[in-house]
Amino acid sequence: MEGVIECNPHKEVRTAGKLKPAAKATQLSKEEGLELEALFVAGDANQDGVLTFSEFREILRTADSTVSHQIALRMFRETLCFMPDGGDSISPFAFATVAHAHGIKAPPAVVFNLLKKTWLQIQDDINPEKMKDDEQKHDAEELKDAIEETLKSQADPALGVQNFRKFVLTFCGGKGESQGPPSAEEGADDESE
């Protein structure tokens, strides 16, 4: 029955592992939306703008350990259905909207906890080929130091997520020349699964 789901993420919200009507759900504020979108970015290990179910589940597990596998799967499907095209991808905004409807919060401590997990996870994906010259090595070290300092101080989650995204897009992944991070406009258009 879990395979059949109505594509209406506003119909129900989760509380204490159960679903209830969304009528009591509160409107997503701009601040809450930005916090949840930062959580999305912190959980997207390869910064491709696409969340696998595994990444999606880890985000939820970090934000609220009471979310069951079934609820996470249902939320994932709701988020896909939230997308205008019927969904094979999830935008950060769609994630934020559905997560909020289900009572998921993203205070700085949660964002930093997830960012720390994801930062450790991507260490094996750092591509030395993208740090061949001294300038690239210097840039990589500066970003790495900035990320680690932000994780240690837990002072600015938005800056931590921004630096993480820039590092992954610039110094991780495939062989060859660095493509560099996308522009702000490209980053805003990213979608995920």
C-alpha atoms as a PDB file:
ATOM      1  CA  MET A   1       0.000   0.000   0.000  1.00  0.00           C
ATOM      2  CA  GLU A   2       2.963   2.316   0.615  1.00  0.00           C
ATOM      3  CA  GLY A   3       3.629   2.147  -3.134  1.00  0.00           C
ATOM      4  CA  VAL A   4       0.356   3.955  -3.812  1.00  0.00           C
ATOM      5  CA  ILE A   5       0.601   7.526  -2.649  1.00  0.00           C
ATOM      6  CA  GLU A   6      -1.465  10.554  -3.403  1.00  0.00           C
ATOM      7  CA  CYS A   7       0.651  13.438  -4.662  1.00  0.00           C
ATOM      8  CA  ASN A   8      -0.548  16.025  -2.181  1.00  0.00           C
ATOM      9  CA  PRO A   9       2.170  16.858   0.352  1.00  0.00           C
ATOM     10  CA  HIS A  10      -0.061  19.378   2.119  1.00  0.00           C
ATOM     11  CA  LYS A  11      -2.706  16.817   2.969  1.00  0.00           C
ATOM     12  CA  GLU A  12      -0.988  15.267   5.986  1.00  0.00           C
ATOM     13  CA  VAL A  13       1.868  16.006   8.390  1.00  0.00           C
ATOM     14  CA  ARG A  14       3.824  13.727  10.695  1.00  0.00           C
ATOM     15  CA  THR A  15       3.825  14.002  14.457  1.00  0.00           C
ATOM     16  CA  ALA A  16       5.406  11.426  16.726  1.00  0.00           C
ATOM     17  CA  GLY A  17       5.799   9.032  13.769  1.00  0.00           C
ATOM     18  CA  LYS A  18       2.116   9.290  12.762  1.00  0.00           C
ATOM     19  CA  LEU A  19       0.402  11.313  10.092  1.00  0.00           C
ATOM     20  CA  LYS A  20      -2.281  13.901  10.827  1.00  0.00           C
ATOM     21  CA  PRO A  21      -4.190  16.440   8.724  1.00  0.00           C
ATOM     22  CA  ALA A  22      -2.091  19.371   7.552  1.00  0.00           C
ATOM     23  CA  ALA A  23      -4.692  21.924   8.583  1.00  0.00           C
ATOM     24  CA  LYS A  24      -2.733  22.474  11.792  1.00  0.00           C
ATOM     25  CA  ALA A  25       0.588  22.846   9.946  1.00  0.00           C
ATOM     26  CA  THR A  26       2.101  26.313  10.062  1.00  0.00           C
ATOM     27  CA  GLN A  27       3.180  28.362   7.071  1.00  0.00           C
ATOM     28  CA  LEU A  28       6.826  27.971   6.066  1.00  0.00           C
ATOM     29  CA  SER A  29       8.607  31.232   6.883  1.00  0.00           C
ATOM     30  CA  LYS A  30      11.467  32.520   4.736  1.00  0.00           C
ATOM     31  CA  GLU A  31      13.923  31.848   7.591  1.00  0.00           C
ATOM     32  CA  GLU A  32      12.687  28.273   8.104  1.00  0.00           C
ATOM     33  CA  GLY A  33      12.838  27.695   4.356  1.00  0.00           C
ATOM     34  CA  LEU A  34      16.454  28.870   4.183  1.00  0.00           C
ATOM     35  CA  GLU A  35      17.384  26.682   7.170  1.00  0.00           C
ATOM     36  CA  LEU A  36      15.795  23.603   5.583  1.00  0.00           C
ATOM     37  CA  GLU A  37      17.373  24.389   2.217  1.00  0.00           C
ATOM     38  CA  ALA A  38      20.772  24.603   3.973  1.00  0.00           C
ATOM     39  CA  LEU A  39      20.034  21.158   5.428  1.00  0.00           C
ATOM     40  CA  PHE A  40      19.352  19.897   1.889  1.00  0.00           C
ATOM     41  CA  VAL A  41      22.715  21.232   0.656  1.00  0.00           C
ATOM     42  CA  ALA A  42      24.572  19.880   3.715  1.00  0.00           C
ATOM     43  CA  GLY A  43      23.190  16.413   2.979  1.00  0.00           C
ATOM     44  CA  ASP A  44      23.928  16.394  -0.759  1.00  0.00           C
ATOM     45  CA  ALA A  45      27.331  14.701  -0.573  1.00  0.00           C
ATOM     46  CA  ASN A  46      28.378  15.244  -4.187  1.00  0.00           C
ATOM     47  CA  GLN A  47      26.574  18.584  -4.591  1.00  0.00           C
ATOM     48  CA  ASP A  48      24.883  17.475  -7.776  1.00  0.00           C
ATOM     49  CA  GLY A  49      21.591  18.924  -6.579  1.00  0.00           C
ATOM     50  CA  VAL A  50      20.092  15.431  -6.567  1.00  0.00           C
ATOM     51  CA  LEU A  51      19.314  13.613  -3.358  1.00  0.00           C
ATOM     52  CA  THR A  52      19.383   9.865  -3.452  1.00  0.00           C
ATOM     53  CA  PHE A  53      16.978   8.211  -1.049  1.00  0.00           C
ATOM     54  CA  SER A  54      20.008   7.360   1.092  1.00  0.00           C
ATOM     55  CA  GLU A  55      21.009  11.045   1.313  1.00  0.00           C
ATOM     56  CA  PHE A  56      17.380  12.056   1.938  1.00  0.00           C
ATOM     57  CA  ARG A  57      17.050   9.467   4.707  1.00  0.00           C
ATOM     58  CA  GLU A  58      20.305  10.597   6.350  1.00  0.00           C
ATOM     59  CA  ILE A  59      19.092  14.192   6.343  1.00  0.00           C
ATOM     60  CA  LEU A  60      15.877  13.133   8.069  1.00  0.00           C
ATOM     61  CA  ARG A  61      17.695  10.822  10.489  1.00  0.00           C
ATOM     62  CA  THR A  62      19.992  13.674  11.504  1.00  0.00           C
ATOM     63  CA  ALA A  63      17.143  16.156  11.894  1.00  0.00           C
ATOM     64  CA  ASP A  64      14.737  13.784  13.663  1.00  0.00           C
ATOM     65  CA  SER A  65      15.834  10.317  14.722  1.00  0.00           C
ATOM     66  CA  THR A  66      12.209   9.217  15.219  1.00  0.00           C
ATOM     67  CA  VAL A  67      11.425   9.281  11.477  1.00  0.00           C
ATOM     68  CA  SER A  68      10.902   5.671  10.408  1.00  0.00           C
ATOM     69  CA  HIS A  69      12.091   4.246   7.107  1.00  0.00           C
ATOM     70  CA  GLN A  70       8.476   4.107   5.883  1.00  0.00           C
ATOM     71  CA  ILE A  71       7.786   7.737   6.793  1.00  0.00           C
ATOM     72  CA  ALA A  72      11.057   8.784   5.111  1.00  0.00           C
ATOM     73  CA  LEU A  73      10.059   6.884   1.977  1.00  0.00           C
ATOM     74  CA  ARG A  74       6.629   8.471   1.989  1.00  0.00           C
ATOM     75  CA  MET A  75       8.143  11.954   2.469  1.00  0.00           C
ATOM     76  CA  PHE A  76      10.585  11.272  -0.386  1.00  0.00           C
ATOM     77  CA  ARG A  77       7.683  10.358  -2.657  1.00  0.00           C
ATOM     78  CA  GLU A  78       5.657  13.375  -1.508  1.00  0.00           C
ATOM     79  CA  THR A  79       8.594  15.610  -2.297  1.00  0.00           C
ATOM     80  CA  LEU A  80       8.903  14.112  -5.782  1.00  0.00           C
ATOM     81  CA  CYS A  81       5.175  14.658  -6.312  1.00  0.00           C
ATOM     82  CA  PHE A  82       5.487  18.249  -5.121  1.00  0.00           C
ATOM     83  CA  MET A  83       7.522  19.067  -8.200  1.00  0.00           C
ATOM     84  CA  PRO A  84       5.543  20.652 -11.078  1.00  0.00           C
ATOM     85  CA  ASP A  85       6.692  18.049 -13.626  1.00  0.00           C
ATOM     86  CA  GLY A  86       5.438  15.177 -11.466  1.00  0.00           C
ATOM     87  CA  GLY A  87       8.948  14.636 -10.337  1.00  0.00           C
ATOM     88  CA  ASP A  88      12.062  12.776 -11.085  1.00  0.00           C
ATOM     89  CA  SER A  89      13.951  15.410  -9.118  1.00  0.00           C
ATOM     90  CA  ILE A  90      13.548  17.446  -5.931  1.00  0.00           C
ATOM     91  CA  SER A  91      14.356  21.109  -5.572  1.00  0.00           C
ATOM     92  CA  PRO A  92      15.671  22.436  -2.262  1.00  0.00           C
ATOM     93  CA  PHE A  93      12.437  24.442  -1.974  1.00  0.00           C
ATOM     94  CA  ALA A  94      10.286  21.315  -2.434  1.00  0.00           C
ATOM     95  CA  PHE A  95      12.368  19.523   0.182  1.00  0.00           C
ATOM     96  CA  ALA A  96      11.973  22.447   2.588  1.00  0.00           C
ATOM     97  CA  THR A  97       8.220  22.617   2.034  1.00  0.00           C
ATOM     98  CA  VAL A  98       7.582  18.911   2.620  1.00  0.00           C
ATOM     99  CA  ALA A  99      10.054  18.670   5.500  1.00  0.00           C
ATOM    100  CA  HIS A 100       8.363  21.623   7.198  1.00  0.00           C
ATOM    101  CA  ALA A 101       4.924  20.096   6.657  1.00  0.00           C
ATOM    102  CA  HIS A 102       6.190  17.014   8.493  1.00  0.00           C
ATOM    103  CA  GLY A 103       7.612  18.991  11.393  1.00  0.00           C
ATOM    104  CA  ILE A 104      11.293  18.656  10.457  1.00  0.00           C
ATOM    105  CA  LYS A 105      13.402  21.485  11.876  1.00  0.00           C
ATOM    106  CA  ALA A 106      16.878  22.627  10.859  1.00  0.00           C
ATOM    107  CA  PRO A 107      18.432  24.596  13.712  1.00  0.00           C
ATOM    108  CA  PRO A 108      22.152  25.363  13.303  1.00  0.00           C
ATOM    109  CA  ALA A 109      23.214  22.402  15.476  1.00  0.00           C
ATOM    110  CA  VAL A 110      21.385  19.982  13.157  1.00  0.00           C
ATOM    111  CA  VAL A 111      22.860  21.556  10.019  1.00  0.00           C
ATOM    112  CA  PHE A 112      26.364  21.380  11.530  1.00  0.00           C
ATOM    113  CA  ASN A 113      25.869  17.761  12.621  1.00  0.00           C
ATOM    114  CA  LEU A 114      24.840  16.751   9.105  1.00  0.00           C
ATOM    115  CA  LEU A 115      27.561  18.865   7.505  1.00  0.00           C
ATOM    116  CA  LYS A 116      30.176  17.192   9.703  1.00  0.00           C
ATOM    117  CA  LYS A 117      28.961  13.718   8.633  1.00  0.00           C
ATOM    118  CA  THR A 118      28.910  14.687   4.967  1.00  0.00           C
ATOM    119  CA  TRP A 119      32.328  16.408   5.190  1.00  0.00           C
ATOM    120  CA  LEU A 120      33.842  13.189   6.555  1.00  0.00           C
ATOM    121  CA  GLN A 121      32.061  11.166   3.886  1.00  0.00           C
ATOM    122  CA  ILE A 122      33.490  13.125   0.943  1.00  0.00           C
ATOM    123  CA  GLN A 123      37.142  12.905   2.023  1.00  0.00           C
ATOM    124  CA  ASP A 124      37.712   9.897  -0.258  1.00  0.00           C
ATOM    125  CA  ASP A 125      36.202  11.833  -3.180  1.00  0.00           C
ATOM    126  CA  ILE A 126      38.795  14.630  -3.101  1.00  0.00           C
ATOM    127  CA  ASN A 127      40.529  14.576  -6.470  1.00  0.00           C
ATOM    128  CA  PRO A 128      44.270  15.419  -6.326  1.00  0.00           C
ATOM    129  CA  GLU A 129      44.144  16.047 -10.088  1.00  0.00           C
ATOM    130  CA  LYS A 130      42.124  19.178  -9.324  1.00  0.00           C
ATOM    131  CA  MET A 131      44.898  20.526  -7.085  1.00  0.00           C
ATOM    132  CA  LYS A 132      47.916  20.291  -9.350  1.00  0.00           C
ATOM    133  CA  ASP A 133      49.180  23.840  -9.238  1.00  0.00           C
ATOM    134  CA  ASP A 134      50.099  25.911  -6.193  1.00  0.00           C
ATOM    135  CA  GLU A 135      47.107  28.228  -6.525  1.00  0.00           C
ATOM    136  CA  GLN A 136      44.654  25.313  -6.578  1.00  0.00           C
ATOM    137  CA  LYS A 137      46.387  23.698  -3.578  1.00  0.00           C
ATOM    138  CA  HIS A 138      46.243  26.999  -1.701  1.00  0.00           C
ATOM    139  CA  ASP A 139      42.552  27.496  -2.532  1.00  0.00           C
ATOM    140  CA  ALA A 140      41.751  23.935  -1.441  1.00  0.00           C
ATOM    141  CA  GLU A 141      43.602  24.355   1.862  1.00  0.00           C
ATOM    142  CA  GLU A 142      41.917  27.699   2.555  1.00  0.00           C
ATOM    143  CA  LEU A 143      38.464  26.227   1.926  1.00  0.00           C
ATOM    144  CA  LYS A 144      39.253  23.109   3.940  1.00  0.00           C
ATOM    145  CA  ASP A 145      40.458  25.231   6.866  1.00  0.00           C
ATOM    146  CA  ALA A 146      37.385  27.474   6.621  1.00  0.00           C
ATOM    147  CA  ILE A 147      35.046  24.456   6.656  1.00  0.00           C
ATOM    148  CA  GLU A 148      36.803  22.863   9.596  1.00  0.00           C
ATOM    149  CA  GLU A 149      36.840  26.145  11.527  1.00  0.00           C
ATOM    150  CA  THR A 150      33.138  26.648  10.869  1.00  0.00           C
ATOM    151  CA  LEU A 151      32.391  23.091  12.006  1.00  0.00           C
ATOM    152  CA  LYS A 152      34.435  23.675  15.151  1.00  0.00           C
ATOM    153  CA  SER A 153      32.951  27.075  16.024  1.00  0.00           C
ATOM    154  CA  GLN A 154      29.442  26.313  14.739  1.00  0.00           C
ATOM    155  CA  ALA A 155      29.094  30.039  14.160  1.00  0.00           C
ATOM    156  CA  ASP A 156      27.545  30.378  10.697  1.00  0.00           C
ATOM    157  CA  PRO A 157      25.737  27.406   9.123  1.00  0.00           C
ATOM    158  CA  ALA A 158      25.058  29.271   5.856  1.00  0.00           C
ATOM    159  CA  LEU A 159      28.766  30.011   5.407  1.00  0.00           C
ATOM    160  CA  GLY A 160      29.690  26.426   6.308  1.00  0.00           C
ATOM    161  CA  VAL A 161      27.265  25.024   3.741  1.00  0.00           C
ATOM    162  CA  GLN A 162      28.412  27.536   1.112  1.00  0.00           C
ATOM    163  CA  ASN A 163      32.100  26.648   1.640  1.00  0.00           C
ATOM    164  CA  PHE A 164      31.310  22.922   1.644  1.00  0.00           C
ATOM    165  CA  ARG A 165      29.434  23.240  -1.637  1.00  0.00           C
ATOM    166  CA  LYS A 166      32.253  25.229  -3.226  1.00  0.00           C
ATOM    167  CA  PHE A 167      34.883  22.732  -2.043  1.00  0.00           C
ATOM    168  CA  VAL A 168      33.004  19.685  -3.330  1.00  0.00           C
ATOM    169  CA  LEU A 169      32.213  21.239  -6.698  1.00  0.00           C
ATOM    170  CA  THR A 170      35.760  22.463  -7.174  1.00  0.00           C
ATOM    171  CA  PHE A 171      37.951  19.730  -5.697  1.00  0.00           C
ATOM    172  CA  CYS A 172      35.969  16.486  -5.649  1.00  0.00           C
ATOM    173  CA  GLY A 173      34.703  14.093  -8.249  1.00  0.00           C
ATOM    174  CA  GLY A 174      35.723  13.107 -11.746  1.00  0.00           C
ATOM    175  CA  LYS A 175      39.099  13.302 -13.372  1.00  0.00           C
ATOM    176  CA  GLY A 176      40.241  16.301 -15.353  1.00  0.00           C
ATOM    177  CA  GLU A 177      40.119  20.030 -14.911  1.00  0.00           C
ATOM    178  CA  SER A 178      38.028  21.653 -12.239  1.00  0.00           C
ATOM    179  CA  GLN A 179      34.818  23.124 -13.534  1.00  0.00           C
ATOM    180  CA  GLY A 180      34.550  25.318 -10.465  1.00  0.00           C
ATOM    181  CA  PRO A 181      31.410  25.991  -8.513  1.00  0.00           C
ATOM    182  CA  PRO A 182      28.265  27.103 -10.326  1.00  0.00           C
ATOM    183  CA  SER A 183      27.211  30.699 -10.256  1.00  0.00           C
ATOM    184  CA  ALA A 184      24.595  31.768  -7.713  1.00  0.00           C
ATOM    185  CA  GLU A 185      21.946  31.593 -10.434  1.00  0.00           C
ATOM    186  CA  GLU A 186      22.934  28.043 -11.431  1.00  0.00           C
ATOM    187  CA  GLY A 187      22.987  26.964  -7.775  1.00  0.00           C
ATOM    188  CA  ALA A 188      19.471  28.301  -7.285  1.00  0.00           C
ATOM    189  CA  ASP A 189      18.245  26.220 -10.206  1.00  0.00           C
ATOM    190  CA  ASP A 190      19.683  22.938  -8.904  1.00  0.00           C
ATOM    191  CA  GLU A 191      17.172  20.171  -8.401  1.00  0.00           C
ATOM    192  CA  SER A 192      17.444  16.795  -6.759  1.00  0.00           C
ATOM    193  CA  GLU A 193      15.908  13.371  -6.690  1.00  0.00           C
END
